[in-house]
N, C-alpha and C. Protein backbone atom coordinates (compact mmCIF):
# COMPACT_ATOMS: atom_id res chain seq x y z
N MET A 1 -5.47 24.00 15.78
CA MET A 1 -5.01 22.59 15.99
C MET A 1 -5.39 22.18 14.41
N ARG A 2 -4.48 20.97 13.84
CA ARG A 2 -4.73 20.43 12.79
C ARG A 2 -4.76 19.06 13.35
N MET A 3 -5.17 18.00 12.08
CA MET A 3 -5.46 16.72 12.82
C MET A 3 -4.64 16.16 11.10
N ILE A 4 -3.64 15.25 11.23
CA ILE A 4 -3.64 14.34 9.94
C ILE A 4 -3.74 13.00 10.35
N VAL A 5 -4.76 12.12 9.66
CA VAL A 5 -5.30 10.91 9.87
C VAL A 5 -4.71 10.08 8.67
N GLY A 6 -4.15 9.28 8.91
CA GLY A 6 -3.55 7.78 8.02
C GLY A 6 -4.31 6.71 8.19
N LEU A 7 -5.06 6.39 7.23
CA LEU A 7 -6.06 5.33 6.93
C LEU A 7 -5.43 3.83 6.76
N GLY A 8 -5.77 2.88 7.26
CA GLY A 8 -5.41 1.51 7.56
C GLY A 8 -6.12 0.63 8.16
N ASN A 9 -5.75 -0.59 7.92
CA ASN A 9 -6.63 -1.72 8.74
C ASN A 9 -6.06 -1.81 9.99
N PRO A 10 -6.62 -2.04 10.86
CA PRO A 10 -5.71 -2.61 12.27
C PRO A 10 -5.41 -4.02 12.30
N GLY A 11 -4.36 -4.29 13.17
CA GLY A 11 -4.02 -5.58 13.41
C GLY A 11 -2.63 -6.04 12.69
N ARG A 12 -2.02 -6.90 13.01
CA ARG A 12 -0.64 -7.54 12.62
C ARG A 12 -0.89 -7.91 11.12
N ARG A 13 -2.08 -8.77 10.77
CA ARG A 13 -2.45 -9.23 9.72
C ARG A 13 -2.37 -8.28 8.54
N TYR A 14 -2.77 -6.91 8.72
CA TYR A 14 -2.69 -5.92 7.38
C TYR A 14 -1.22 -4.88 7.66
N GLN A 15 -0.46 -5.22 8.51
CA GLN A 15 0.76 -4.46 8.65
C GLN A 15 1.44 -4.41 7.52
N GLY A 16 1.83 -3.54 6.92
CA GLY A 16 2.78 -3.47 5.57
C GLY A 16 1.88 -3.73 4.15
N THR A 17 0.67 -3.96 4.38
CA THR A 17 -0.20 -3.98 3.09
C THR A 17 -0.18 -2.51 2.32
N ARG A 18 -0.49 -2.62 1.16
CA ARG A 18 -0.71 -1.38 0.26
C ARG A 18 -1.92 -0.59 0.86
N HIS A 19 -2.85 -1.18 1.58
CA HIS A 19 -3.92 -0.49 2.15
C HIS A 19 -3.49 0.41 3.34
N ASN A 20 -2.40 -0.01 3.94
CA ASN A 20 -1.95 0.57 5.14
C ASN A 20 -1.16 1.74 4.90
N VAL A 21 -0.85 2.02 3.73
CA VAL A 21 0.35 3.25 3.60
C VAL A 21 0.09 4.57 4.31
N GLY A 22 -1.30 4.83 4.39
CA GLY A 22 -1.40 6.24 5.14
C GLY A 22 -1.29 6.23 6.29
N ALA A 23 -1.68 4.92 7.17
CA ALA A 23 -1.33 4.79 8.34
C ALA A 23 0.30 4.89 8.41
N ARG A 24 0.99 4.21 7.58
CA ARG A 24 2.65 4.02 7.94
C ARG A 24 3.03 5.32 7.80
N ILE A 25 2.48 6.38 6.91
CA ILE A 25 2.94 7.90 7.01
C ILE A 25 2.77 8.50 8.22
N VAL A 26 1.70 8.34 8.96
CA VAL A 26 1.47 9.07 9.99
C VAL A 26 2.14 8.33 11.38
N GLU A 27 2.56 7.00 11.30
CA GLU A 27 3.34 6.47 12.06
C GLU A 27 4.74 6.96 12.07
N THR A 28 5.04 7.48 10.72
CA THR A 28 6.45 7.86 10.42
C THR A 28 6.48 9.00 10.87
N LEU A 29 5.57 10.05 11.05
CA LEU A 29 5.39 11.32 11.65
C LEU A 29 5.60 11.39 13.09
N ALA A 30 5.27 10.18 13.69
CA ALA A 30 4.98 10.29 15.06
C ALA A 30 6.59 9.76 15.37
N GLY A 31 7.11 8.88 14.78
CA GLY A 31 8.52 8.54 14.94
C GLY A 31 9.55 9.70 14.92
N ARG A 32 9.30 10.61 13.73
CA ARG A 32 10.18 11.67 13.49
C ARG A 32 10.32 12.73 15.10
N HIS A 33 9.09 12.71 15.44
CA HIS A 33 8.72 13.62 16.54
C HIS A 33 8.88 12.98 18.26
N ARG A 34 9.39 11.62 17.80
CA ARG A 34 9.57 10.92 18.93
C ARG A 34 8.54 10.96 20.00
N VAL A 35 7.23 10.54 19.48
CA VAL A 35 6.07 10.68 20.22
C VAL A 35 5.21 9.30 20.19
N PRO A 36 4.93 8.77 21.23
CA PRO A 36 3.97 7.38 21.08
C PRO A 36 2.64 7.48 20.82
N LEU A 37 2.09 6.72 19.67
CA LEU A 37 0.65 6.61 19.59
C LEU A 37 -0.26 6.37 20.88
N ARG A 38 -0.96 6.76 21.31
CA ARG A 38 -1.55 6.09 22.36
C ARG A 38 -3.32 6.18 21.94
N GLU A 39 -3.75 5.26 22.48
CA GLU A 39 -5.60 4.89 22.45
C GLU A 39 -6.29 6.09 23.07
N GLU A 40 -6.89 6.63 21.91
CA GLU A 40 -7.96 7.80 22.12
C GLU A 40 -9.20 7.35 21.39
N GLY A 41 -10.53 6.87 22.16
CA GLY A 41 -11.76 6.75 21.59
C GLY A 41 -11.55 5.38 20.23
N TRP A 42 -11.67 5.65 19.13
CA TRP A 42 -11.52 4.53 18.05
C TRP A 42 -10.26 4.63 17.34
N ALA A 43 -9.38 5.38 17.61
CA ALA A 43 -8.13 5.39 17.19
C ALA A 43 -6.67 5.66 17.92
N ARG A 44 -5.40 5.55 17.61
CA ARG A 44 -4.23 5.79 18.06
C ARG A 44 -3.62 7.12 17.74
N VAL A 45 -3.49 7.89 18.65
CA VAL A 45 -3.31 9.31 18.56
C VAL A 45 -1.91 9.72 19.20
N ALA A 46 -1.67 10.89 18.77
CA ALA A 46 -0.13 11.52 19.36
C ALA A 46 -0.64 13.21 19.14
N THR A 47 0.19 13.88 20.08
CA THR A 47 0.34 15.25 19.78
C THR A 47 1.77 15.89 19.66
N VAL A 48 1.99 16.67 18.54
CA VAL A 48 3.20 16.91 18.23
C VAL A 48 2.69 18.80 18.11
N THR A 49 3.98 19.31 18.08
CA THR A 49 4.01 21.02 17.71
C THR A 49 4.86 21.18 16.53
N LEU A 50 4.06 21.85 15.38
CA LEU A 50 5.02 22.49 14.55
C LEU A 50 4.98 23.76 14.36
N ASP A 51 5.93 24.57 14.30
CA ASP A 51 5.95 26.18 14.58
C ASP A 51 4.89 26.67 15.39
N ARG A 52 4.84 26.04 16.61
CA ARG A 52 3.81 26.54 17.44
C ARG A 52 2.63 26.31 17.33
N ARG A 53 1.98 25.40 16.38
CA ARG A 53 0.98 24.81 15.78
C ARG A 53 0.66 23.48 16.42
N ARG A 54 -0.31 22.97 17.17
CA ARG A 54 -0.47 21.71 17.69
C ARG A 54 -0.91 21.03 16.41
N VAL A 55 -0.43 19.81 16.48
CA VAL A 55 -1.15 18.93 15.51
C VAL A 55 -1.43 17.54 16.21
N LEU A 56 -2.62 16.83 15.70
CA LEU A 56 -3.21 15.68 16.20
C LEU A 56 -2.79 14.58 15.10
N LEU A 57 -1.94 13.76 15.42
CA LEU A 57 -1.48 12.73 14.56
C LEU A 57 -2.58 11.29 14.94
N ALA A 58 -3.40 10.80 13.82
CA ALA A 58 -4.20 9.77 14.18
C ALA A 58 -4.41 8.78 13.17
N VAL A 59 -4.21 7.44 13.65
CA VAL A 59 -4.34 6.35 12.96
C VAL A 59 -5.85 5.44 13.49
N PRO A 60 -6.70 5.69 12.70
CA PRO A 60 -8.11 4.90 13.12
C PRO A 60 -7.75 3.38 13.64
N GLU A 61 -8.47 2.93 14.36
CA GLU A 61 -8.40 1.31 14.84
C GLU A 61 -9.62 0.52 14.22
N THR A 62 -10.47 1.17 13.30
CA THR A 62 -11.46 0.75 12.76
C THR A 62 -10.98 0.29 11.10
N TYR A 63 -11.62 -0.26 10.74
CA TYR A 63 -11.47 -0.88 9.42
C TYR A 63 -11.47 0.10 8.56
N VAL A 64 -10.80 0.09 7.31
CA VAL A 64 -10.72 1.15 6.47
C VAL A 64 -12.23 1.57 6.06
N ASN A 65 -13.34 0.81 5.72
CA ASN A 65 -14.53 1.19 5.33
C ASN A 65 -15.18 1.69 6.15
N VAL A 66 -14.99 1.78 7.59
CA VAL A 66 -15.51 2.67 8.06
C VAL A 66 -14.74 3.79 9.09
N SER A 67 -13.87 4.27 8.63
CA SER A 67 -12.92 5.23 9.02
C SER A 67 -13.78 6.70 9.49
N GLY A 68 -14.53 6.67 9.21
CA GLY A 68 -15.55 7.90 9.40
C GLY A 68 -15.81 7.83 10.63
N THR A 69 -16.06 6.74 11.20
CA THR A 69 -16.30 6.65 12.89
C THR A 69 -15.36 6.90 13.80
N ALA A 70 -14.22 6.64 13.47
CA ALA A 70 -12.97 7.20 14.30
C ALA A 70 -12.69 8.71 13.93
N VAL A 71 -12.77 9.26 12.94
CA VAL A 71 -12.64 10.75 12.34
C VAL A 71 -13.60 11.68 12.89
N ALA A 72 -14.63 11.22 12.79
CA ALA A 72 -16.04 12.06 13.44
C ALA A 72 -15.64 12.19 14.95
N ASP A 73 -15.53 11.05 15.44
CA ASP A 73 -15.20 11.01 17.06
C ASP A 73 -14.07 12.23 17.26
N LEU A 74 -12.99 11.69 16.86
CA LEU A 74 -11.77 12.86 17.19
C LEU A 74 -12.00 14.23 16.66
N ARG A 75 -12.75 14.48 15.72
CA ARG A 75 -13.04 15.91 15.19
C ARG A 75 -13.93 16.42 16.29
N ARG A 76 -15.06 15.88 17.13
CA ARG A 76 -15.78 16.23 18.03
C ARG A 76 -15.24 16.59 19.21
N ARG A 77 -14.46 15.56 19.46
CA ARG A 77 -13.39 15.75 20.86
C ARG A 77 -12.51 16.86 20.66
N HIS A 78 -11.92 17.04 19.63
CA HIS A 78 -11.23 18.37 19.56
C HIS A 78 -11.54 19.62 18.93
N ARG A 79 -12.69 19.53 18.58
CA ARG A 79 -13.53 20.70 17.97
C ARG A 79 -12.69 21.01 16.74
N LEU A 80 -12.44 20.39 15.89
CA LEU A 80 -11.53 20.53 14.94
C LEU A 80 -12.22 21.29 13.50
N ARG A 81 -11.79 21.93 12.76
CA ARG A 81 -12.41 22.89 11.68
C ARG A 81 -12.25 21.82 10.68
N LEU A 82 -13.27 21.51 9.77
CA LEU A 82 -12.94 20.51 8.62
C LEU A 82 -11.98 20.87 7.44
N GLU A 83 -11.54 22.28 7.38
CA GLU A 83 -10.49 22.64 6.63
C GLU A 83 -9.08 22.29 7.19
N HIS A 84 -9.17 21.90 8.47
CA HIS A 84 -7.83 21.69 9.07
C HIS A 84 -7.49 20.19 9.35
N LEU A 85 -8.36 19.34 8.56
CA LEU A 85 -8.06 17.95 8.73
C LEU A 85 -7.29 17.45 7.23
N LEU A 86 -6.34 16.38 7.21
CA LEU A 86 -5.75 16.22 6.29
C LEU A 86 -5.83 14.58 6.29
N VAL A 87 -6.37 14.06 5.50
CA VAL A 87 -6.82 12.75 5.20
C VAL A 87 -5.47 11.98 4.29
N VAL A 88 -4.65 10.99 4.81
CA VAL A 88 -3.67 10.26 3.98
C VAL A 88 -4.04 9.30 3.44
N TYR A 89 -4.16 8.26 2.45
CA TYR A 89 -4.77 7.36 2.12
C TYR A 89 -4.09 6.82 0.76
N ASP A 90 -4.23 5.31 0.37
CA ASP A 90 -3.89 4.89 -0.87
C ASP A 90 -4.53 5.13 -1.81
N ASP A 91 -3.98 5.07 -3.20
CA ASP A 91 -4.46 5.40 -4.43
C ASP A 91 -4.18 4.53 -5.64
N LEU A 92 -4.79 3.60 -6.01
CA LEU A 92 -4.42 2.62 -7.17
C LEU A 92 -4.22 3.45 -8.46
N ASP A 93 -4.83 4.36 -8.85
CA ASP A 93 -4.84 5.48 -9.92
C ASP A 93 -3.46 6.30 -10.03
N LEU A 94 -2.57 6.06 -9.07
CA LEU A 94 -1.30 6.86 -9.05
C LEU A 94 -0.21 5.60 -9.14
N PRO A 95 0.88 5.66 -9.84
CA PRO A 95 1.93 4.80 -9.78
C PRO A 95 2.59 5.11 -8.33
N LEU A 96 3.00 3.91 -8.06
CA LEU A 96 4.03 3.72 -6.51
C LEU A 96 4.99 4.77 -6.84
N GLY A 97 5.24 5.81 -6.00
CA GLY A 97 6.03 6.71 -5.89
C GLY A 97 5.30 8.04 -6.05
N GLN A 98 4.37 8.48 -6.67
CA GLN A 98 3.65 9.52 -6.66
C GLN A 98 2.68 9.74 -5.58
N ILE A 99 2.76 11.31 -5.08
CA ILE A 99 1.51 11.68 -4.42
C ILE A 99 0.95 12.73 -5.25
N ARG A 100 -0.45 12.97 -4.48
CA ARG A 100 -1.17 14.05 -5.04
C ARG A 100 -1.76 14.59 -3.67
N LEU A 101 -1.87 15.90 -3.55
CA LEU A 101 -2.77 16.39 -2.55
C LEU A 101 -3.90 17.17 -3.26
N ARG A 102 -5.10 17.45 -2.62
CA ARG A 102 -6.39 18.23 -3.20
C ARG A 102 -6.38 19.14 -1.71
N ALA A 103 -7.43 19.89 -2.16
CA ALA A 103 -8.10 20.90 -1.00
C ALA A 103 -9.33 20.22 -0.72
N GLN A 104 -9.88 19.60 -1.36
CA GLN A 104 -10.90 19.27 -1.37
C GLN A 104 -11.71 18.19 -2.72
N GLY A 105 -12.80 17.42 -2.16
CA GLY A 105 -13.21 16.29 -3.59
C GLY A 105 -14.08 15.66 -2.96
N GLY A 106 -14.37 14.65 -3.73
CA GLY A 106 -15.18 13.28 -3.77
C GLY A 106 -14.43 12.12 -3.21
N HIS A 107 -15.02 11.02 -2.87
CA HIS A 107 -14.62 9.94 -2.48
C HIS A 107 -13.82 9.13 -3.79
N GLY A 108 -14.67 9.16 -4.86
CA GLY A 108 -13.83 8.48 -5.97
C GLY A 108 -13.72 7.03 -6.00
N GLY A 109 -14.75 6.53 -5.06
CA GLY A 109 -15.07 5.17 -5.15
C GLY A 109 -14.10 4.59 -3.92
N HIS A 110 -13.47 5.01 -3.31
CA HIS A 110 -12.82 5.07 -1.80
C HIS A 110 -13.55 4.72 -0.66
N ASN A 111 -13.60 3.72 -0.28
CA ASN A 111 -14.69 3.20 0.81
C ASN A 111 -14.32 4.05 2.07
N GLY A 112 -13.00 4.28 2.31
CA GLY A 112 -12.77 4.55 3.42
C GLY A 112 -13.04 6.22 3.55
N MET A 113 -12.68 6.84 2.17
CA MET A 113 -12.96 8.40 2.02
C MET A 113 -14.70 8.36 1.97
N ARG A 114 -15.33 7.64 1.48
CA ARG A 114 -16.74 7.40 1.50
C ARG A 114 -17.29 7.59 2.86
N SER A 115 -16.78 7.03 3.78
CA SER A 115 -16.95 6.35 5.14
C SER A 115 -16.84 8.23 6.20
N ILE A 116 -15.81 8.42 5.59
CA ILE A 116 -15.16 9.82 6.26
C ILE A 116 -16.30 10.87 5.83
N ILE A 117 -16.44 11.02 4.35
CA ILE A 117 -17.33 12.10 4.03
C ILE A 117 -18.90 11.97 4.60
N ASP A 118 -19.12 10.79 4.74
CA ASP A 118 -20.45 10.78 5.33
C ASP A 118 -20.65 11.18 6.84
N ALA A 119 -19.37 10.74 7.25
CA ALA A 119 -19.51 10.74 8.88
C ALA A 119 -19.38 12.52 9.24
N VAL A 120 -18.66 13.08 8.52
CA VAL A 120 -18.25 14.50 9.12
C VAL A 120 -19.13 15.45 8.09
N GLY A 121 -20.05 14.86 7.50
CA GLY A 121 -21.00 15.71 6.46
C GLY A 121 -20.62 16.92 5.41
N GLY A 122 -19.50 16.25 4.81
CA GLY A 122 -19.05 17.24 3.74
C GLY A 122 -17.67 16.76 3.09
N THR A 123 -17.05 17.37 1.88
CA THR A 123 -16.11 17.09 1.37
C THR A 123 -15.10 18.17 1.15
N ALA A 124 -15.24 19.34 2.07
CA ALA A 124 -14.19 20.32 1.89
C ALA A 124 -13.14 20.11 2.98
N PHE A 125 -12.57 19.24 3.08
CA PHE A 125 -11.04 19.05 3.80
C PHE A 125 -10.22 18.35 2.90
N PRO A 126 -8.67 18.66 3.22
CA PRO A 126 -7.50 18.31 2.32
C PRO A 126 -7.23 16.92 2.14
N ARG A 127 -6.81 16.23 1.41
CA ARG A 127 -6.53 14.91 1.58
C ARG A 127 -5.11 14.92 0.35
N LEU A 128 -4.42 13.75 1.28
CA LEU A 128 -2.99 13.51 0.46
C LEU A 128 -2.95 11.93 -0.28
N ARG A 129 -3.23 11.66 -1.52
CA ARG A 129 -3.49 10.42 -2.09
C ARG A 129 -1.68 10.05 -2.22
N ILE A 130 -1.73 8.56 -2.08
CA ILE A 130 -0.50 7.86 -2.06
C ILE A 130 -0.60 6.76 -3.11
N GLY A 131 0.37 7.16 -4.22
CA GLY A 131 0.09 5.96 -5.40
C GLY A 131 0.81 4.60 -4.98
N ILE A 132 -0.30 3.42 -5.19
CA ILE A 132 0.18 1.71 -4.81
C ILE A 132 0.26 1.18 -5.88
N GLY A 133 -0.34 2.17 -7.22
CA GLY A 133 0.05 1.42 -8.38
C GLY A 133 -1.22 0.19 -8.89
N ARG A 134 -1.45 0.00 -9.95
CA ARG A 134 -2.41 -1.03 -10.29
C ARG A 134 -2.39 -2.51 -10.10
N PRO A 135 -3.35 -3.15 -10.03
CA PRO A 135 -2.81 -4.67 -10.07
C PRO A 135 -2.70 -4.92 -11.39
N PRO A 136 -1.84 -6.33 -11.29
CA PRO A 136 -1.69 -7.09 -12.42
C PRO A 136 -2.73 -7.38 -12.94
N GLN A 137 -3.03 -7.57 -14.35
CA GLN A 137 -4.19 -8.46 -15.06
C GLN A 137 -4.53 -9.53 -14.19
N GLY A 138 -6.07 -9.29 -14.35
CA GLY A 138 -6.61 -10.76 -13.35
C GLY A 138 -6.48 -10.72 -12.16
N VAL A 139 -5.97 -9.56 -11.43
CA VAL A 139 -5.99 -9.38 -9.83
C VAL A 139 -7.09 -8.77 -9.54
N ASP A 140 -7.92 -8.87 -8.33
CA ASP A 140 -9.16 -8.22 -8.23
C ASP A 140 -8.29 -7.09 -7.43
N PRO A 141 -8.78 -5.73 -7.56
CA PRO A 141 -8.28 -4.90 -6.83
C PRO A 141 -8.40 -4.61 -5.49
N ALA A 142 -9.80 -5.65 -4.82
CA ALA A 142 -9.93 -5.57 -3.50
C ALA A 142 -8.89 -6.72 -2.94
N ASP A 143 -8.72 -7.57 -3.71
CA ASP A 143 -7.51 -8.23 -2.93
C ASP A 143 -6.16 -7.87 -3.17
N TYR A 144 -5.72 -6.73 -4.26
CA TYR A 144 -4.52 -6.37 -4.36
C TYR A 144 -4.14 -5.37 -3.14
N VAL A 145 -5.09 -4.62 -2.85
CA VAL A 145 -4.68 -3.39 -1.77
C VAL A 145 -4.38 -4.21 -0.62
N LEU A 146 -4.75 -5.54 -0.38
CA LEU A 146 -4.51 -6.19 1.01
C LEU A 146 -3.34 -7.06 0.80
N ARG A 147 -2.24 -6.77 -0.14
CA ARG A 147 -1.16 -7.25 -0.38
C ARG A 147 0.01 -6.48 -0.05
N ARG A 148 0.89 -7.18 0.69
CA ARG A 148 2.19 -6.28 0.68
C ARG A 148 2.80 -5.97 -0.25
N PHE A 149 3.83 -5.16 -0.26
CA PHE A 149 4.43 -4.17 -1.25
C PHE A 149 5.72 -5.54 -1.57
N ALA A 150 5.91 -5.88 -3.18
CA ALA A 150 6.87 -6.53 -3.25
C ALA A 150 8.42 -5.92 -2.78
N PRO A 151 9.40 -6.90 -2.69
CA PRO A 151 10.93 -6.40 -2.12
C PRO A 151 11.45 -5.45 -3.33
N GLU A 152 11.07 -5.53 -4.42
CA GLU A 152 11.51 -4.77 -5.43
C GLU A 152 10.93 -3.25 -5.35
N GLU A 153 9.89 -3.18 -4.63
CA GLU A 153 9.33 -1.89 -4.49
C GLU A 153 9.80 -0.91 -3.35
N THR A 154 10.56 -1.86 -2.33
CA THR A 154 10.76 -1.29 -0.99
C THR A 154 11.38 -0.11 -0.93
N GLY A 155 12.43 0.13 -1.78
CA GLY A 155 13.41 1.39 -1.98
C GLY A 155 12.22 2.42 -2.35
N VAL A 156 11.53 2.27 -3.28
CA VAL A 156 10.55 3.32 -3.49
C VAL A 156 9.66 3.70 -2.35
N LEU A 157 8.85 2.77 -2.23
CA LEU A 157 8.22 2.98 -1.03
C LEU A 157 8.84 3.71 0.00
N ALA A 158 9.85 3.63 0.85
CA ALA A 158 10.42 3.90 1.81
C ALA A 158 10.74 5.66 1.38
N GLU A 159 11.08 5.80 0.21
CA GLU A 159 11.17 7.26 -0.33
C GLU A 159 10.13 8.03 -0.50
N VAL A 160 8.94 7.57 -1.02
CA VAL A 160 7.58 8.21 -1.13
C VAL A 160 6.92 8.02 0.43
N VAL A 161 7.23 7.48 1.31
CA VAL A 161 6.69 7.46 2.61
C VAL A 161 7.20 9.00 3.27
N ASP A 162 8.42 9.04 3.05
CA ASP A 162 9.49 10.37 3.58
C ASP A 162 9.00 11.34 3.22
N ARG A 163 8.51 11.46 1.71
CA ARG A 163 8.24 12.72 0.94
C ARG A 163 6.61 13.04 1.31
N ALA A 164 5.76 12.05 1.48
CA ALA A 164 4.59 12.18 2.24
C ALA A 164 4.61 12.66 3.42
N ALA A 165 5.20 12.39 4.20
CA ALA A 165 5.51 12.77 5.72
C ALA A 165 5.75 14.49 5.62
N ASP A 166 6.92 14.62 4.72
CA ASP A 166 7.22 16.20 4.43
C ASP A 166 6.01 16.99 3.73
N ALA A 167 5.29 16.66 2.86
CA ALA A 167 4.20 17.14 2.20
C ALA A 167 3.13 17.37 3.51
N ALA A 168 2.90 16.74 4.13
CA ALA A 168 1.99 16.83 5.46
C ALA A 168 2.63 17.70 6.53
N GLU A 169 3.96 17.84 6.43
CA GLU A 169 4.40 18.84 7.60
C GLU A 169 4.16 20.19 6.85
N VAL A 170 4.45 20.36 5.53
CA VAL A 170 4.18 21.49 4.75
C VAL A 170 2.72 22.26 4.88
N PHE A 171 1.76 21.08 4.76
CA PHE A 171 0.23 21.39 4.93
C PHE A 171 0.18 22.04 6.31
N VAL A 172 0.99 21.48 7.26
CA VAL A 172 0.57 22.15 8.47
C VAL A 172 1.42 23.58 8.89
N ARG A 173 2.20 23.72 8.45
CA ARG A 173 3.15 24.89 8.40
C ARG A 173 2.47 26.01 7.51
N ARG A 174 2.29 25.50 6.19
CA ARG A 174 2.17 26.93 5.25
C ARG A 174 0.73 26.44 4.77
N GLY A 175 0.14 25.36 4.68
CA GLY A 175 -1.24 25.58 4.24
C GLY A 175 -1.33 24.33 3.22
N ILE A 176 -2.59 24.34 2.48
CA ILE A 176 -2.64 23.09 1.68
C ILE A 176 -2.45 23.55 0.05
N GLU A 177 -2.38 24.92 -0.33
CA GLU A 177 -1.76 25.37 -1.41
C GLU A 177 -0.47 25.32 -1.80
N PRO A 178 0.30 25.72 -0.67
CA PRO A 178 1.75 25.53 -0.98
C PRO A 178 2.30 24.24 -1.02
N ALA A 179 1.66 23.27 0.02
CA ALA A 179 2.22 21.81 -0.07
C ALA A 179 1.71 21.55 -1.62
N MET A 180 0.49 21.86 -2.04
CA MET A 180 0.09 21.42 -3.48
C MET A 180 0.88 21.92 -4.46
N ALA A 181 1.56 23.30 -4.45
CA ALA A 181 2.44 23.63 -5.50
C ALA A 181 3.68 22.90 -5.55
N ALA A 182 4.18 22.21 -4.20
CA ALA A 182 5.67 21.93 -3.57
C ALA A 182 5.46 20.20 -4.32
N TYR A 183 4.39 19.91 -4.02
CA TYR A 183 4.47 18.18 -4.14
C TYR A 183 3.53 17.58 -5.26
N ASN A 184 2.87 18.35 -5.84
CA ASN A 184 2.11 17.77 -7.18
C ASN A 184 2.47 17.96 -8.32
N LEU A 185 3.80 17.31 -8.30
CA LEU A 185 4.83 17.08 -9.66
C LEU A 185 4.62 15.79 -10.34
N ARG A 186 4.19 15.73 -11.57
CA ARG A 186 4.62 14.45 -12.31
C ARG A 186 5.85 13.42 -11.95
N SER A 187 6.62 14.25 -11.78
CA SER A 187 7.93 13.35 -11.30
C SER A 187 7.74 13.08 -10.00
N GLY A 188 7.11 13.56 -9.15
CA GLY A 188 7.02 12.65 -7.67
C GLY A 188 7.73 13.64 -6.81
N SER A 189 8.86 14.48 -7.38
CA SER A 189 9.93 15.09 -6.51
C SER A 189 9.14 16.53 -6.24
N PRO A 190 9.48 16.87 -5.12
CA PRO A 190 9.12 18.28 -4.65
C PRO A 190 9.39 19.59 -5.47
N SER A 191 8.74 20.47 -5.51
CA SER A 191 9.48 21.69 -6.10
C SER A 191 10.42 22.47 -5.14
N HIS A 192 11.53 23.18 -5.81
CA HIS A 192 12.60 23.62 -4.38
C HIS A 192 11.67 25.14 -4.07
N ASN A 193 10.86 25.64 -5.19
CA ASN A 193 10.05 26.71 -4.91
C ASN A 193 8.97 26.37 -3.85
N LEU A 194 9.32 25.85 -3.71
CA LEU A 194 7.82 25.93 -2.93
C LEU A 194 7.04 26.95 -3.29
N HIS A 195 -7.99 12.50 -7.78
CA HIS A 195 -8.70 11.76 -8.76
C HIS A 195 -8.99 10.49 -8.07
N GLN A 196 -9.09 10.20 -7.61
CA GLN A 196 -9.50 9.39 -6.93
C GLN A 196 -9.90 8.06 -7.57
N SER A 197 -9.69 6.92 -6.86
CA SER A 197 -9.69 5.65 -7.13
C SER A 197 -10.79 4.90 -7.40
N PRO A 198 -11.36 4.43 -8.52
CA PRO A 198 -12.68 3.90 -8.84
C PRO A 198 -12.60 2.49 -8.42
N TYR A 199 -12.48 2.01 -6.80
CA TYR A 199 -12.52 0.70 -6.59
C TYR A 199 -13.02 0.57 -4.97
N ASN A 200 -13.51 -0.34 -5.02
CA ASN A 200 -14.10 -0.95 -3.47
C ASN A 200 -13.22 -1.86 -2.84
N GLU A 201 -12.57 -1.53 -1.79
CA GLU A 201 -11.62 -1.94 -1.01
C GLU A 201 -12.34 -2.77 0.36
N ALA A 202 -11.33 -3.56 1.06
CA ALA A 202 -11.57 -4.18 2.01
C ALA A 202 -11.58 -3.32 3.39
């Protein structure tokens, strides 16, 4: 089994905010495969099959800063190997429209990733970072991540959400290295051949 976790804060108040883009991508994957997300423990989950491989889609119902509670609980329930976990989350240091995959790494100041690393006891799991852009001068990053996307950003956002969902499926079907080779391009476009953000958020 593989597990794809999309980070975000629960509740209507936070729907559509920059901080919830990871959750939006997992919800997009669930929509693609026409499966409803149901409550399980500290998360909403759905199970799909890609190339005969079972995949657990998960959106924690905890706040981002304590995402590790949900992730560790699901990992125990499903006896998931750490390298089979893909965490999808927002990154201030990537421009909107860019995504980056890594096989492992530190939290880079992202409190949700810090929580997960502490809860699972390691950093050796893949992650998919979604660029949300830097805040304007004078805007606190902690406030910025809780803002919704501007109307002029919606087109780019829709495209990057679809591309990130594609990248997550490549991770499941072919592994993290092929997914990195296909999607880690400066242009933000996938190949035909198939750092984390220093901020503290709410």
